[in-house]
PDB file of N, CA and C in Angstrom:
ATOM      1  N   UNK A   1       1.132 -71.668-113.510  1.00  0.00           N
ATOM      2  CA  UNK A   1       0.612 -70.810-112.466  1.00  0.00           C
ATOM      3  C   UNK A   1      -0.905 -70.683-112.566  1.00  0.00           C
ATOM      4  N   UNK A   2      -1.416 -70.354-113.758  1.00  0.00           N
ATOM      5  CA  UNK A   2      -2.850 -70.181-113.911  1.00  0.00           C
ATOM      6  C   UNK A   2      -3.590 -71.499-113.733  1.00  0.00           C
ATOM      7  N   UNK A   3      -3.013 -72.591-114.240  1.00  0.00           N
ATOM      8  CA  UNK A   3      -3.643 -73.896-114.079  1.00  0.00           C
ATOM      9  C   UNK A   3      -3.684 -74.277-112.602  1.00  0.00           C
ATOM     10  N   UNK A   4      -2.631 -73.937-111.864  1.00  0.00           N
ATOM     11  CA  UNK A   4      -2.583 -74.211-110.434  1.00  0.00           C
ATOM     12  C   UNK A   4      -3.688 -73.443-109.710  1.00  0.00           C
ATOM     13  N   UNK A   5      -3.940 -72.187-110.105  1.00  0.00           N
ATOM     14  CA  UNK A   5      -5.012 -71.400-109.502  1.00  0.00           C
ATOM     15  C   UNK A   5      -6.364 -72.058-109.721  1.00  0.00           C
ATOM     16  N   UNK A   6      -6.611 -72.557-110.924  1.00  0.00           N
ATOM     17  CA  UNK A   6      -7.885 -73.199-111.225  1.00  0.00           C
ATOM     18  C   UNK A   6      -8.106 -74.408-110.335  1.00  0.00           C
ATOM     19  N   UNK A   7      -7.066 -75.213-110.140  1.00  0.00           N
ATOM     20  CA  UNK A   7      -7.193 -76.421-109.339  1.00  0.00           C
ATOM     21  C   UNK A   7      -7.236 -76.110-107.844  1.00  0.00           C
ATOM     22  N   UNK A   8      -6.409 -75.185-107.402  1.00  0.00           N
ATOM     23  CA  UNK A   8      -6.291 -74.890-105.979  1.00  0.00           C
ATOM     24  C   UNK A   8      -7.546 -74.229-105.419  1.00  0.00           C
ATOM     25  N   UNK A   9      -8.104 -73.282-106.137  1.00  0.00           N
ATOM     26  CA  UNK A   9      -9.251 -72.537-105.651  1.00  0.00           C
ATOM     27  C   UNK A   9     -10.576 -73.029-106.225  1.00  0.00           C
ATOM     28  N   UNK A  10     -10.562 -74.117-106.970  1.00  0.00           N
ATOM     29  CA  UNK A  10     -11.755 -74.716-107.549  1.00  0.00           C
ATOM     30  C   UNK A  10     -12.565 -73.684-108.346  1.00  0.00           C
ATOM     31  N   UNK A  11     -11.898 -73.020-109.273  1.00  0.00           N
ATOM     32  CA  UNK A  11     -12.527 -72.014-110.122  1.00  0.00           C
ATOM     33  C   UNK A  11     -13.099 -72.704-111.351  1.00  0.00           C
ATOM     34  N   UNK A  12     -14.356 -72.414-111.635  1.00  0.00           N
ATOM     35  CA  UNK A  12     -15.032 -73.034-112.773  1.00  0.00           C
ATOM     36  C   UNK A  12     -14.466 -72.481-114.085  1.00  0.00           C
ATOM     37  N   UNK A  13     -14.287 -73.364-115.062  1.00  0.00           N
ATOM     38  CA  UNK A  13     -13.854 -72.942-116.387  1.00  0.00           C
ATOM     39  C   UNK A  13     -15.082 -72.464-117.138  1.00  0.00           C
ATOM     40  N   UNK A  14     -15.219 -71.158-117.267  1.00  0.00           N
ATOM     41  CA  UNK A  14     -16.306 -70.611-118.063  1.00  0.00           C
ATOM     42  C   UNK A  14     -15.843 -69.343-118.747  1.00  0.00           C
ATOM     43  N   UNK A  15     -16.518 -69.022-119.799  1.00  0.00           N
ATOM     44  CA  UNK A  15     -16.128 -67.923-120.668  1.00  0.00           C
ATOM     45  C   UNK A  15     -16.053 -66.580-119.925  1.00  0.00           C
ATOM     46  N   UNK A  16     -16.802 -66.432-118.858  1.00  0.00           N
ATOM     47  CA  UNK A  16     -16.798 -65.178-118.117  1.00  0.00           C
ATOM     48  C   UNK A  16     -15.427 -64.879-117.522  1.00  0.00           C
ATOM     49  N   UNK A  17     -14.577 -65.894-117.300  1.00  0.00           N
ATOM     50  CA  UNK A  17     -13.253 -65.712-116.726  1.00  0.00           C
ATOM     51  C   UNK A  17     -12.135 -65.911-117.749  1.00  0.00           C
ATOM     52  N   UNK A  18     -12.468 -66.027-119.013  1.00  0.00           N
ATOM     53  CA  UNK A  18     -11.477 -66.330-120.046  1.00  0.00           C
ATOM     54  C   UNK A  18     -10.793 -65.058-120.560  1.00  0.00           C
ATOM     55  N   UNK A  19      -9.534 -65.202-120.907  1.00  0.00           N
ATOM     56  CA  UNK A  19      -8.743 -64.101-121.445  1.00  0.00           C
ATOM     57  C   UNK A  19      -9.256 -63.649-122.811  1.00  0.00           C
ATOM     58  N   UNK A  20      -9.817 -64.554-123.591  1.00  0.00           N
ATOM     59  CA  UNK A  20     -10.253 -64.253-124.954  1.00  0.00           C
ATOM     60  C   UNK A  20     -11.672 -63.688-125.031  1.00  0.00           C
ATOM     61  N   UNK A  21     -12.416 -63.679-123.918  1.00  0.00           N
ATOM     62  CA  UNK A  21     -13.807 -63.244-123.945  1.00  0.00           C
ATOM     63  C   UNK A  21     -13.956 -61.818-123.436  1.00  0.00           C
ATOM     64  N   UNK A  22     -14.948 -61.142-123.959  1.00  0.00           N
ATOM     65  CA  UNK A  22     -15.299 -59.817-123.456  1.00  0.00           C
ATOM     66  C   UNK A  22     -16.814 -59.751-123.326  1.00  0.00           C
ATOM     67  N   UNK A  23     -17.270 -58.913-122.433  1.00  0.00           N
ATOM     68  CA  UNK A  23     -18.690 -58.833-122.128  1.00  0.00           C
ATOM     69  C   UNK A  23     -19.497 -58.102-123.187  1.00  0.00           C
ATOM     70  N   UNK A  24     -20.803 -58.293-123.111  1.00  0.00           N
ATOM     71  CA  UNK A  24     -21.739 -57.603-123.991  1.00  0.00           C
ATOM     72  C   UNK A  24     -22.775 -56.896-123.129  1.00  0.00           C
ATOM     73  N   UNK A  25     -23.741 -56.255-123.750  1.00  0.00           N
ATOM     74  CA  UNK A  25     -24.801 -55.614-122.985  1.00  0.00           C
ATOM     75  C   UNK A  25     -25.692 -56.642-122.297  1.00  0.00           C
ATOM     76  N   UNK A  26     -25.769 -57.819-122.853  1.00  0.00           N
ATOM     77  CA  UNK A  26     -26.537 -58.909-122.255  1.00  0.00           C
ATOM     78  C   UNK A  26     -25.612 -59.663-121.291  1.00  0.00           C
ATOM     79  N   UNK A  27     -25.935 -59.737-119.992  1.00  0.00           N
ATOM     80  CA  UNK A  27     -25.001 -60.330-119.028  1.00  0.00           C
ATOM     81  C   UNK A  27     -24.767 -61.831-119.184  1.00  0.00           C
ATOM     82  N   UNK A  28     -25.651 -62.543-119.880  1.00  0.00           N
ATOM     83  CA  UNK A  28     -25.462 -63.988-120.037  1.00  0.00           C
ATOM     84  C   UNK A  28     -24.791 -64.363-121.363  1.00  0.00           C
ATOM     85  N   UNK A  29     -24.279 -63.394-122.107  1.00  0.00           N
ATOM     86  CA  UNK A  29     -23.570 -63.632-123.375  1.00  0.00           C
ATOM     87  C   UNK A  29     -22.184 -63.011-123.319  1.00  0.00           C
ATOM     88  N   UNK A  30     -21.240 -63.627-124.013  1.00  0.00           N
ATOM     89  CA  UNK A  30     -19.875 -63.127-124.121  1.00  0.00           C
ATOM     90  C   UNK A  30     -19.457 -63.160-125.584  1.00  0.00           C
ATOM     91  N   UNK A  31     -18.534 -62.305-125.962  1.00  0.00           N
ATOM     92  CA  UNK A  31     -17.970 -62.327-127.307  1.00  0.00           C
ATOM     93  C   UNK A  31     -16.562 -62.891-127.185  1.00  0.00           C
ATOM     94  N   UNK A  32     -16.357 -64.058-127.773  1.00  0.00           N
ATOM     95  CA  UNK A  32     -15.073 -64.757-127.707  1.00  0.00           C
ATOM     96  C   UNK A  32     -14.283 -64.475-128.982  1.00  0.00           C
ATOM     97  N   UNK A  33     -12.984 -64.230-128.849  1.00  0.00           N
ATOM     98  CA  UNK A  33     -12.131 -63.996-130.018  1.00  0.00           C
ATOM     99  C   UNK A  33     -11.972 -65.262-130.848  1.00  0.00           C
ATOM    100  N   UNK A  34     -12.164 -66.416-130.226  1.00  0.00           N
ATOM    101  CA  UNK A  34     -11.988 -67.698-130.913  1.00  0.00           C
ATOM    102  C   UNK A  34     -13.295 -68.257-131.481  1.00  0.00           C
ATOM    103  N   UNK A  35     -14.410 -68.145-130.723  1.00  0.00           N
ATOM    104  CA  UNK A  35     -15.661 -68.807-131.094  1.00  0.00           C
ATOM    105  C   UNK A  35     -16.795 -67.867-131.475  1.00  0.00           C
ATOM    106  N   UNK A  36     -16.668 -66.572-131.264  1.00  0.00           N
ATOM    107  CA  UNK A  36     -17.746 -65.631-131.572  1.00  0.00           C
ATOM    108  C   UNK A  36     -18.630 -65.419-130.358  1.00  0.00           C
ATOM    109  N   UNK A  37     -19.922 -65.216-130.562  1.00  0.00           N
ATOM    110  CA  UNK A  37     -20.858 -64.988-129.462  1.00  0.00           C
ATOM    111  C   UNK A  37     -21.215 -66.328-128.821  1.00  0.00           C
ATOM    112  N   UNK A  38     -20.985 -66.424-127.513  1.00  0.00           N
ATOM    113  CA  UNK A  38     -21.247 -67.661-126.777  1.00  0.00           C
ATOM    114  C   UNK A  38     -21.927 -67.339-125.455  1.00  0.00           C
ATOM    115  N   UNK A  39     -22.451 -68.367-124.808  1.00  0.00           N
ATOM    116  CA  UNK A  39     -23.046 -68.246-123.487  1.00  0.00           C
ATOM    117  C   UNK A  39     -21.936 -67.982-122.467  1.00  0.00           C
ATOM    118  N   UNK A  40     -22.230 -67.248-121.386  1.00  0.00           N
ATOM    119  CA  UNK A  40     -21.210 -66.915-120.387  1.00  0.00           C
ATOM    120  C   UNK A  40     -20.695 -68.151-119.655  1.00  0.00           C
ATOM    121  N   UNK A  41     -21.477 -69.232-119.600  1.00  0.00           N
ATOM    122  CA  UNK A  41     -21.060 -70.458-118.923  1.00  0.00           C
ATOM    123  C   UNK A  41     -20.318 -71.422-119.849  1.00  0.00           C
ATOM    124  N   UNK A  42     -20.183 -71.075-121.108  1.00  0.00           N
ATOM    125  CA  UNK A  42     -19.525 -71.926-122.093  1.00  0.00           C
ATOM    126  C   UNK A  42     -18.022 -71.982-121.834  1.00  0.00           C
ATOM    127  N   UNK A  43     -17.387 -73.075-122.216  1.00  0.00           N
ATOM    128  CA  UNK A  43     -15.937 -73.216-122.110  1.00  0.00           C
ATOM    129  C   UNK A  43     -15.440 -74.042-123.292  1.00  0.00           C
ATOM    130  N   UNK A  44     -14.323 -73.625-123.889  1.00  0.00           N
ATOM    131  CA  UNK A  44     -13.752 -74.359-125.010  1.00  0.00           C
ATOM    132  C   UNK A  44     -12.307 -74.740-124.702  1.00  0.00           C
ATOM    133  N   UNK A  45     -11.647 -75.384-125.651  1.00  0.00           N
ATOM    134  CA  UNK A  45     -10.255 -75.813-125.454  1.00  0.00           C
ATOM    135  C   UNK A  45      -9.301 -74.640-125.351  1.00  0.00           C
ATOM    136  N   UNK A  46      -9.666 -73.498-125.904  1.00  0.00           N
ATOM    137  CA  UNK A  46      -8.792 -72.329-125.901  1.00  0.00           C
ATOM    138  C   UNK A  46      -8.882 -71.537-124.598  1.00  0.00           C
ATOM    139  N   UNK A  47      -9.585 -72.035-123.593  1.00  0.00           N
ATOM    140  CA  UNK A  47      -9.782 -71.321-122.331  1.00  0.00           C
ATOM    141  C   UNK A  47      -8.440 -71.002-121.678  1.00  0.00           C
ATOM    142  N   UNK A  48      -8.256 -69.721-121.341  1.00  0.00           N
ATOM    143  CA  UNK A  48      -7.090 -69.254-120.591  1.00  0.00           C
ATOM    144  C   UNK A  48      -7.615 -68.362-119.478  1.00  0.00           C
ATOM    145  N   UNK A  49      -7.355 -68.742-118.234  1.00  0.00           N
ATOM    146  CA  UNK A  49      -7.878 -68.021-117.080  1.00  0.00           C
ATOM    147  C   UNK A  49      -7.280 -66.627-116.982  1.00  0.00           C
ATOM    148  N   UNK A  50      -8.146 -65.625-116.789  1.00  0.00           N
ATOM    149  CA  UNK A  50      -7.725 -64.243-116.602  1.00  0.00           C
ATOM    150  C   UNK A  50      -8.100 -63.822-115.188  1.00  0.00           C
ATOM    151  N   UNK A  51      -7.113 -63.652-114.347  1.00  0.00           N
ATOM    152  CA  UNK A  51      -7.322 -63.345-112.935  1.00  0.00           C
ATOM    153  C   UNK A  51      -8.078 -62.035-112.733  1.00  0.00           C
ATOM    154  N   UNK A  52      -7.896 -61.068-113.611  1.00  0.00           N
ATOM    155  CA  UNK A  52      -8.508 -59.754-113.440  1.00  0.00           C
ATOM    156  C   UNK A  52     -10.011 -59.735-113.717  1.00  0.00           C
ATOM    157  N   UNK A  53     -10.565 -60.757-114.339  1.00  0.00           N
ATOM    158  CA  UNK A  53     -11.996 -60.788-114.633  1.00  0.00           C
ATOM    159  C   UNK A  53     -12.824 -61.367-113.489  1.00  0.00           C
ATOM    160  N   UNK A  54     -12.176 -61.959-112.518  1.00  0.00           N
ATOM    161  CA  UNK A  54     -12.897 -62.579-111.412  1.00  0.00           C
ATOM    162  C   UNK A  54     -13.260 -61.536-110.364  1.00  0.00           C
ATOM    163  N   UNK A  55     -14.523 -61.567-109.908  1.00  0.00           N
ATOM    164  CA  UNK A  55     -14.994 -60.679-108.859  1.00  0.00           C
ATOM    165  C   UNK A  55     -14.866 -61.406-107.519  1.00  0.00           C
ATOM    166  N   UNK A  56     -14.031 -60.919-106.595  1.00  0.00           N
ATOM    167  CA  UNK A  56     -13.868 -61.615-105.313  1.00  0.00           C
ATOM    168  C   UNK A  56     -15.123 -61.519-104.462  1.00  0.00           C
ATOM    169  N   UNK A  57     -15.286 -62.512-103.592  1.00  0.00           N
ATOM    170  CA  UNK A  57     -16.416 -62.502-102.670  1.00  0.00           C
ATOM    171  C   UNK A  57     -16.166 -61.435-101.616  1.00  0.00           C
ATOM    172  N   UNK A  58     -17.245 -60.826-101.131  1.00  0.00           N
ATOM    173  CA  UNK A  58     -17.119 -59.821-100.085  1.00  0.00           C
ATOM    174  C   UNK A  58     -16.741 -60.482 -98.770  1.00  0.00           C
ATOM    175  N   UNK A  59     -15.973 -59.771 -97.987  1.00  0.00           N
ATOM    176  CA  UNK A  59     -15.603 -60.257 -96.663  1.00  0.00           C
ATOM    177  C   UNK A  59     -16.814 -60.156 -95.742  1.00  0.00           C
ATOM    178  N   UNK A  60     -16.992 -61.127 -94.836  1.00  0.00           N
ATOM    179  CA  UNK A  60     -18.110 -61.034 -93.906  1.00  0.00           C
ATOM    180  C   UNK A  60     -17.897 -59.867 -92.943  1.00  0.00           C
ATOM    181  N   UNK A  61     -18.977 -59.265 -92.437  1.00  0.00           N
ATOM    182  CA  UNK A  61     -18.826 -58.141 -91.536  1.00  0.00           C
ATOM    183  C   UNK A  61     -18.152 -58.558 -90.227  1.00  0.00           C
ATOM    184  N   UNK A  62     -17.401 -57.642 -89.659  1.00  0.00           N
ATOM    185  CA  UNK A  62     -16.748 -57.922 -88.384  1.00  0.00           C
ATOM    186  C   UNK A  62     -17.778 -58.007 -87.258  1.00  0.00           C
ATOM    187  N   UNK A  63     -17.523 -58.823 -86.264  1.00  0.00           N
ATOM    188  CA  UNK A  63     -18.468 -58.890 -85.146  1.00  0.00           C
ATOM    189  C   UNK A  63     -18.491 -57.569 -84.381  1.00  0.00           C
ATOM    190  N   UNK A  64     -19.648 -57.227 -83.803  1.00  0.00           N
ATOM    191  CA  UNK A  64     -19.809 -55.979 -83.067  1.00  0.00           C
ATOM    192  C   UNK A  64     -18.971 -55.980 -81.792  1.00  0.00           C
ATOM    193  N   UNK A  65     -18.804 -57.151 -81.213  1.00  0.00           N
ATOM    194  CA  UNK A  65     -18.107 -57.258 -79.935  1.00  0.00           C
ATOM    195  C   UNK A  65     -16.611 -57.438 -80.173  1.00  0.00           C
ATOM    196  N   UNK A  66     -15.880 -56.336 -80.082  1.00  0.00           N
ATOM    197  CA  UNK A  66     -14.434 -56.357 -80.272  1.00  0.00           C
ATOM    198  C   UNK A  66     -13.796 -55.771 -79.008  1.00  0.00           C
ATOM    199  N   UNK A  67     -12.861 -56.477 -78.420  1.00  0.00           N
ATOM    200  CA  UNK A  67     -12.222 -55.991 -77.184  1.00  0.00           C
ATOM    201  C   UNK A  67     -11.010 -55.165 -77.447  1.00  0.00           C
TER     202      UNK A  67
END
């Protein structure tokens, strides 16, 4: 299921979306349970996609002209 999401929606494999990573005060660094402190764009073999860490894109505003 998670692998299908990565392929279907073209989600980049990076530590910011990994189940094993957690954020730090510095937005470009993550603390990984497997590798320690890493860059947020880093990805390793232990990558497991966590759906709850992804921030969805905002919906575009509705047009003013609605009948």
